[in-house]
N, C-alpha and C. Protein backbone atom coordinates (compact mmCIF):
# COMPACT_ATOMS: atom_id res chain seq x y z
N VAL A 1 94.64 117.33 252.52
CA VAL A 1 95.73 117.52 253.45
C VAL A 1 96.48 118.79 253.06
N GLN A 2 96.72 119.63 254.04
CA GLN A 2 97.51 120.85 253.81
C GLN A 2 98.77 120.75 254.66
N LEU A 3 99.87 121.17 254.08
CA LEU A 3 101.17 121.08 254.73
C LEU A 3 101.82 122.45 254.75
N GLN A 4 102.37 122.81 255.88
CA GLN A 4 103.04 124.10 256.04
C GLN A 4 104.44 123.85 256.58
N ALA A 5 105.43 124.10 255.74
CA ALA A 5 106.82 123.91 256.14
C ALA A 5 107.39 125.21 256.67
N SER A 6 108.26 125.10 257.65
CA SER A 6 108.91 126.28 258.21
C SER A 6 110.25 125.89 258.82
N GLY A 7 111.03 126.89 259.18
CA GLY A 7 112.27 126.64 259.90
C GLY A 7 113.53 126.85 259.09
N GLY A 8 113.40 127.13 257.80
CA GLY A 8 114.58 127.37 257.00
C GLY A 8 115.26 128.67 257.36
N GLY A 9 116.43 128.87 256.80
CA GLY A 9 117.16 130.11 257.06
C GLY A 9 118.59 129.99 256.61
N LEU A 10 119.37 130.97 257.03
CA LEU A 10 120.80 131.03 256.69
C LEU A 10 121.60 130.55 257.90
N VAL A 11 122.49 129.63 257.66
CA VAL A 11 123.31 129.09 258.74
C VAL A 11 124.72 128.85 258.22
N GLN A 12 125.68 128.95 259.08
CA GLN A 12 127.05 128.66 258.69
C GLN A 12 127.28 127.16 258.64
N ALA A 13 128.23 126.78 257.83
CA ALA A 13 128.60 125.37 257.75
C ALA A 13 128.95 124.84 259.15
N GLY A 14 128.46 123.65 259.44
CA GLY A 14 128.65 123.07 260.76
C GLY A 14 127.51 123.34 261.71
N GLY A 15 126.64 124.24 261.34
CA GLY A 15 125.52 124.59 262.20
C GLY A 15 124.35 123.64 262.05
N SER A 16 123.27 123.98 262.74
CA SER A 16 122.08 123.12 262.77
C SER A 16 120.83 123.94 262.48
N LEU A 17 119.84 123.27 261.95
CA LEU A 17 118.51 123.83 261.77
C LEU A 17 117.50 122.72 262.01
N ARG A 18 116.32 123.11 262.44
CA ARG A 18 115.23 122.15 262.55
C ARG A 18 114.06 122.65 261.73
N LEU A 19 113.68 121.87 260.75
CA LEU A 19 112.52 122.19 259.93
C LEU A 19 111.28 121.55 260.53
N SER A 20 110.18 122.24 260.38
CA SER A 20 108.89 121.72 260.86
C SER A 20 107.91 121.66 259.72
N CYS A 21 107.07 120.65 259.74
CA CYS A 21 106.01 120.51 258.75
C CYS A 21 104.70 120.27 259.51
N GLN A 22 103.87 121.29 259.50
CA GLN A 22 102.58 121.22 260.19
C GLN A 22 101.53 120.75 259.19
N ALA A 23 100.85 119.67 259.54
CA ALA A 23 99.83 119.12 258.66
C ALA A 23 98.44 119.39 259.21
N SER A 24 97.50 119.57 258.31
CA SER A 24 96.10 119.74 258.70
C SER A 24 95.23 119.07 257.65
N GLY A 25 93.98 118.90 258.00
CA GLY A 25 93.07 118.23 257.08
C GLY A 25 92.92 116.76 257.42
N ARG A 26 92.52 115.97 256.43
CA ARG A 26 92.24 114.56 256.64
C ARG A 26 93.53 113.76 256.51
N ILE A 27 94.20 113.62 257.64
CA ILE A 27 95.48 112.91 257.66
C ILE A 27 95.21 111.47 258.06
N LEU A 28 95.52 110.55 257.18
CA LEU A 28 95.32 109.15 257.48
C LEU A 28 96.59 108.56 258.05
N SER A 29 96.41 107.65 259.00
CA SER A 29 97.56 107.15 259.76
C SER A 29 98.58 106.45 258.88
N TYR A 30 98.14 105.88 257.77
CA TYR A 30 99.07 105.14 256.92
C TYR A 30 99.77 106.02 255.89
N TYR A 31 99.46 107.30 255.93
CA TYR A 31 100.14 108.21 255.01
C TYR A 31 101.62 108.31 255.37
N ALA A 32 102.42 108.32 254.36
CA ALA A 32 103.83 108.64 254.54
C ALA A 32 103.99 110.15 254.50
N ILE A 33 105.01 110.61 255.16
CA ILE A 33 105.36 112.03 255.07
C ILE A 33 106.86 112.11 254.89
N GLY A 34 107.26 112.88 253.92
CA GLY A 34 108.68 112.95 253.60
C GLY A 34 109.17 114.37 253.46
N TRP A 35 110.46 114.50 253.61
CA TRP A 35 111.14 115.76 253.34
C TRP A 35 111.95 115.58 252.06
N PHE A 36 111.72 116.47 251.13
CA PHE A 36 112.45 116.51 249.88
C PHE A 36 113.27 117.80 249.84
N ARG A 37 114.27 117.80 248.99
CA ARG A 37 114.97 119.05 248.74
C ARG A 37 115.33 119.17 247.27
N GLN A 38 115.44 120.39 246.85
CA GLN A 38 115.85 120.67 245.47
C GLN A 38 116.80 121.84 245.46
N ALA A 39 118.01 121.55 245.03
CA ALA A 39 119.02 122.60 244.91
C ALA A 39 118.98 123.17 243.49
N PRO A 40 119.46 124.38 243.29
CA PRO A 40 119.44 124.98 241.96
C PRO A 40 120.14 124.09 240.93
N GLY A 41 119.46 123.83 239.84
CA GLY A 41 120.03 123.04 238.77
C GLY A 41 120.08 121.54 239.03
N LYS A 42 119.50 121.11 240.13
CA LYS A 42 119.52 119.69 240.46
C LYS A 42 118.11 119.14 240.57
N GLU A 43 118.01 117.84 240.47
CA GLU A 43 116.72 117.19 240.62
C GLU A 43 116.30 117.15 242.09
N ARG A 44 115.02 117.09 242.28
CA ARG A 44 114.51 116.96 243.63
C ARG A 44 114.87 115.58 244.17
N GLU A 45 115.23 115.53 245.44
CA GLU A 45 115.58 114.26 246.05
C GLU A 45 114.87 114.09 247.38
N LEU A 46 114.56 112.86 247.68
CA LEU A 46 113.96 112.53 248.97
C LEU A 46 115.07 112.45 250.01
N VAL A 47 114.92 113.20 251.07
CA VAL A 47 115.93 113.26 252.11
C VAL A 47 115.59 112.32 253.25
N ALA A 48 114.34 112.31 253.66
CA ALA A 48 113.92 111.48 254.78
C ALA A 48 112.42 111.30 254.73
N ALA A 49 111.95 110.19 255.30
CA ALA A 49 110.51 109.93 255.29
C ALA A 49 110.14 109.09 256.49
N THR A 50 108.89 109.20 256.87
CA THR A 50 108.35 108.37 257.93
C THR A 50 106.87 108.17 257.65
N VAL A 51 106.20 107.47 258.53
CA VAL A 51 104.76 107.22 258.39
C VAL A 51 104.08 107.79 259.63
N TRP A 52 102.93 108.41 259.43
CA TRP A 52 102.25 109.02 260.56
C TRP A 52 101.97 108.03 261.69
N SER A 53 101.68 106.81 261.35
CA SER A 53 101.32 105.82 262.36
C SER A 53 102.52 105.22 263.08
N GLY A 54 103.71 105.54 262.65
CA GLY A 54 104.90 104.99 263.27
C GLY A 54 105.57 104.01 262.34
N GLY A 55 106.39 103.15 262.90
CA GLY A 55 107.10 102.21 262.07
C GLY A 55 108.44 102.76 261.63
N GLY A 56 108.91 102.25 260.54
CA GLY A 56 110.25 102.59 260.10
C GLY A 56 110.36 103.98 259.53
N THR A 57 111.56 104.44 259.44
CA THR A 57 111.87 105.70 258.79
C THR A 57 112.92 105.46 257.72
N TYR A 58 113.01 106.41 256.83
CA TYR A 58 114.03 106.38 255.78
C TYR A 58 114.81 107.67 255.86
N VAL A 59 116.11 107.54 255.76
CA VAL A 59 116.98 108.71 255.67
C VAL A 59 117.99 108.43 254.56
N ALA A 60 118.12 109.35 253.64
CA ALA A 60 119.05 109.17 252.52
C ALA A 60 120.48 108.98 253.01
N ASP A 61 121.21 108.17 252.31
CA ASP A 61 122.61 107.90 252.69
C ASP A 61 123.42 109.18 252.76
N SER A 62 123.10 110.13 251.91
CA SER A 62 123.90 111.35 251.84
C SER A 62 123.80 112.19 253.11
N VAL A 63 122.77 111.95 253.91
CA VAL A 63 122.58 112.76 255.12
C VAL A 63 122.40 111.91 256.36
N LYS A 64 122.55 110.62 256.23
CA LYS A 64 122.16 109.68 257.28
C LYS A 64 122.79 109.98 258.63
N ASP A 65 124.01 110.41 258.66
CA ASP A 65 124.69 110.64 259.94
C ASP A 65 124.44 112.04 260.49
N ARG A 66 123.67 112.83 259.76
CA ARG A 66 123.51 114.23 260.17
C ARG A 66 122.05 114.65 260.33
N PHE A 67 121.15 114.02 259.60
CA PHE A 67 119.74 114.43 259.63
C PHE A 67 118.91 113.36 260.33
N THR A 68 117.89 113.83 261.04
CA THR A 68 116.97 112.94 261.73
C THR A 68 115.54 113.40 261.48
N ILE A 69 114.67 112.47 261.16
CA ILE A 69 113.26 112.80 260.99
C ILE A 69 112.50 112.28 262.21
N SER A 70 111.57 113.09 262.68
CA SER A 70 110.76 112.69 263.82
C SER A 70 109.37 113.30 263.66
N ARG A 71 108.46 112.84 264.48
CA ARG A 71 107.10 113.36 264.36
C ARG A 71 106.48 113.51 265.73
N ASP A 72 105.53 114.41 265.81
CA ASP A 72 104.73 114.61 267.01
C ASP A 72 103.28 114.49 266.54
N ASN A 73 102.70 113.33 266.74
CA ASN A 73 101.35 113.09 266.22
C ASN A 73 100.31 113.99 266.89
N ALA A 74 100.54 114.31 268.15
CA ALA A 74 99.59 115.17 268.85
C ALA A 74 99.53 116.55 268.21
N LYS A 75 100.63 116.97 267.62
CA LYS A 75 100.69 118.29 266.97
C LYS A 75 100.57 118.18 265.45
N ASN A 76 100.41 116.97 264.95
CA ASN A 76 100.38 116.77 263.49
C ASN A 76 101.58 117.42 262.81
N THR A 77 102.73 117.24 263.41
CA THR A 77 103.93 117.92 262.94
C THR A 77 105.06 116.91 262.77
N VAL A 78 105.78 117.05 261.69
CA VAL A 78 106.97 116.25 261.42
C VAL A 78 108.16 117.19 261.36
N TYR A 79 109.25 116.75 261.93
CA TYR A 79 110.45 117.58 262.02
C TYR A 79 111.59 116.95 261.22
N LEU A 80 112.46 117.80 260.75
CA LEU A 80 113.72 117.35 260.17
C LEU A 80 114.83 118.09 260.89
N GLN A 81 115.52 117.38 261.75
CA GLN A 81 116.65 117.95 262.47
C GLN A 81 117.89 117.79 261.61
N MET A 82 118.52 118.89 261.29
CA MET A 82 119.69 118.86 260.40
C MET A 82 120.89 119.39 261.17
N ASN A 83 121.87 118.53 261.35
CA ASN A 83 123.09 118.89 262.08
C ASN A 83 124.29 118.86 261.15
N ARG A 84 125.35 119.52 261.58
CA ARG A 84 126.60 119.57 260.82
C ARG A 84 126.32 119.89 259.36
N LEU A 85 125.59 120.93 259.15
CA LEU A 85 125.19 121.30 257.80
C LEU A 85 126.40 121.66 256.94
N LYS A 86 126.25 121.36 255.66
CA LYS A 86 127.30 121.61 254.68
C LYS A 86 126.75 122.53 253.59
N PRO A 87 127.61 123.25 252.90
CA PRO A 87 127.13 124.10 251.81
C PRO A 87 126.30 123.32 250.78
N GLU A 88 126.63 122.07 250.57
CA GLU A 88 125.87 121.28 249.59
C GLU A 88 124.47 120.91 250.07
N ASP A 89 124.16 121.21 251.31
CA ASP A 89 122.79 121.02 251.80
C ASP A 89 121.89 122.19 251.43
N THR A 90 122.46 123.23 250.86
CA THR A 90 121.67 124.38 250.45
C THR A 90 120.63 123.97 249.41
N ALA A 91 119.38 124.28 249.69
CA ALA A 91 118.28 123.86 248.81
C ALA A 91 116.97 124.41 249.37
N VAL A 92 115.95 124.28 248.56
CA VAL A 92 114.60 124.48 249.07
C VAL A 92 114.11 123.12 249.56
N TYR A 93 113.66 123.11 250.79
CA TYR A 93 113.19 121.87 251.40
C TYR A 93 111.67 121.87 251.42
N TYR A 94 111.10 120.76 250.99
CA TYR A 94 109.65 120.60 250.93
C TYR A 94 109.22 119.41 251.77
N CYS A 95 108.09 119.54 252.41
CA CYS A 95 107.49 118.35 253.00
C CYS A 95 106.31 117.94 252.13
N ALA A 96 106.07 116.66 252.12
CA ALA A 96 105.02 116.11 251.27
C ALA A 96 104.43 114.88 251.94
N SER A 97 103.23 114.54 251.56
CA SER A 97 102.56 113.40 252.18
C SER A 97 101.75 112.65 251.14
N GLY A 98 101.55 111.37 251.38
CA GLY A 98 100.77 110.55 250.47
C GLY A 98 100.85 109.10 250.86
N VAL A 99 100.43 108.25 249.96
CA VAL A 99 100.40 106.82 250.22
C VAL A 99 101.63 106.17 249.60
N GLY A 100 102.34 105.41 250.41
CA GLY A 100 103.54 104.74 249.92
C GLY A 100 104.55 105.75 249.43
N ASP A 101 105.01 105.58 248.21
CA ASP A 101 105.97 106.53 247.65
C ASP A 101 105.32 107.47 246.64
N THR A 102 104.02 107.59 246.73
CA THR A 102 103.29 108.55 245.90
C THR A 102 102.88 109.73 246.77
N TYR A 103 103.52 110.84 246.55
CA TYR A 103 103.28 112.02 247.38
C TYR A 103 102.34 112.97 246.64
N ASP A 104 101.12 113.00 247.10
CA ASP A 104 100.09 113.80 246.44
C ASP A 104 99.95 115.19 247.02
N TYR A 105 100.41 115.37 248.23
CA TYR A 105 100.20 116.63 248.94
C TYR A 105 101.55 117.25 249.25
N TRP A 106 101.68 118.53 248.92
CA TRP A 106 102.97 119.20 249.06
C TRP A 106 102.82 120.52 249.81
N GLY A 107 103.82 120.81 250.64
CA GLY A 107 103.90 122.10 251.27
C GLY A 107 104.59 123.09 250.36
N GLN A 108 104.76 124.31 250.81
CA GLN A 108 105.25 125.39 249.97
C GLN A 108 106.77 125.47 249.90
N GLY A 109 107.49 124.77 250.71
CA GLY A 109 108.94 124.82 250.67
C GLY A 109 109.52 125.87 251.59
N THR A 110 110.67 125.57 252.13
CA THR A 110 111.40 126.51 252.97
C THR A 110 112.87 126.47 252.56
N LEU A 111 113.47 127.63 252.42
CA LEU A 111 114.83 127.73 251.89
C LEU A 111 115.86 127.56 253.00
N VAL A 112 116.79 126.68 252.76
CA VAL A 112 117.94 126.50 253.65
C VAL A 112 119.19 126.90 252.89
N THR A 113 119.94 127.84 253.46
CA THR A 113 121.17 128.29 252.85
C THR A 113 122.30 128.08 253.84
N VAL A 114 123.29 127.32 253.42
CA VAL A 114 124.44 127.05 254.29
C VAL A 114 125.66 127.74 253.70
N SER A 115 126.21 128.66 254.45
CA SER A 115 127.37 129.41 253.99
C SER A 115 128.66 128.72 254.43
N SER A 116 129.67 128.85 253.59
CA SER A 116 130.95 128.20 253.91
C SER A 116 131.84 129.11 254.72
């Protein structure tokens, strides 16, 4: 499985961005796909996750009212819609995929910078 993340950039606080994760290769329907982020000096954290086949989604409490994860199976693409961005959302965002909570496949990351 290959993953290509895109959509990062510089945005002012309160603004929005939509990240995209294009997947290719042998994608199995039961694979989970998640968005992680890592800010400088901080540990990587899972922001949101879903499953290619549908079902439930997970969104971290820290972003629950602002971020939404969605997918377009026809395009093999998962999105992370980020609204009302805050400076503390500044990080490199990665998409990853795997079985359950084991993410074996990782994209290259896209930088999100939120200015105050």
